[in-house]
Amino acid sequence: MLSWAITFLVIAIVAAVLGFGGIAGTATGIAKILFVVFLVMFVASFFFGRRGQS
C-alpha cells in the first residue's frame, strides 16, 4: 500500500510540473489517504501482531 501512495505522489509531482493542477490535486489527495491508511494498518499490526507470540 505504501508503494501505491508513493506512485500517486510521483504522479502528482509530474502533473504539477507539467501544469495539470486538477490531476495533481487529485493524485496528491489519493496519496495522502493511502499513506494514512498505511500508517494506521502498520501501527495496528505492530501492536496486535505481537499478542499471539509468547
Protein backbone atom coordinates (compact mmCIF):
# COMPACT_ATOMS: atom_id res chain seq x y z
CA MET A 1 0.00 0.00 0.00
CA LEU A 2 2.93 2.28 0.64
CA SER A 3 4.07 1.71 -2.93
CA TRP A 4 0.66 2.92 -4.21
CA ALA A 5 0.94 6.06 -2.09
CA ILE A 6 4.42 6.75 -3.47
CA THR A 7 3.18 6.09 -7.02
CA PHE A 8 0.35 8.61 -6.67
CA LEU A 9 2.76 11.12 -5.13
CA VAL A 10 5.09 10.80 -8.13
CA ILE A 11 2.12 11.18 -10.49
CA ALA A 12 1.10 14.32 -8.60
CA ILE A 13 4.58 15.81 -8.83
CA VAL A 14 4.86 15.11 -12.55
CA ALA A 15 1.37 16.50 -13.20
CA ALA A 16 2.17 19.63 -11.19
CA VAL A 17 5.39 20.22 -13.14
CA LEU A 18 3.50 19.83 -16.43
CA GLY A 19 0.78 22.23 -15.31
CA PHE A 20 -2.14 19.85 -14.76
CA GLY A 21 -3.42 21.30 -11.49
CA GLY A 22 -6.61 19.27 -11.18
CA ILE A 23 -4.89 15.95 -11.76
CA ALA A 24 -2.06 16.90 -9.41
CA GLY A 25 -4.51 17.83 -6.65
CA THR A 26 -6.46 14.62 -7.04
CA ALA A 27 -3.35 12.45 -7.07
CA THR A 28 -2.00 14.24 -4.00
CA GLY A 29 -5.26 13.66 -2.14
CA ILE A 30 -5.23 9.96 -3.01
CA ALA A 31 -1.59 9.67 -1.94
CA LYS A 32 -2.34 11.29 1.42
CA ILE A 33 -5.30 9.00 2.07
CA LEU A 34 -3.34 5.87 1.15
CA PHE A 35 -0.42 6.93 3.34
CA VAL A 36 -2.68 7.48 6.36
CA VAL A 37 -4.35 4.11 5.80
CA PHE A 38 -0.90 2.51 5.55
CA LEU A 39 0.22 4.12 8.82
CA VAL A 40 -2.93 3.01 10.66
CA MET A 41 -2.57 -0.55 9.42
CA PHE A 42 1.14 -0.59 10.28
CA VAL A 43 0.56 0.58 13.85
CA ALA A 44 -2.34 -1.84 14.32
CA SER A 45 -0.34 -4.80 13.03
CA PHE A 46 2.64 -3.78 15.16
CA PHE A 47 0.63 -3.79 18.38
CA PHE A 48 -1.85 -6.60 17.71
CA GLY A 49 0.58 -8.85 15.86
CA ARG A 50 2.65 -9.44 18.97
CA ARG A 51 -0.19 -10.80 21.10
CA GLY A 52 -0.08 -14.30 19.59
CA GLN A 53 3.59 -14.82 20.47
CA SER A 54 4.83 -15.61 23.93
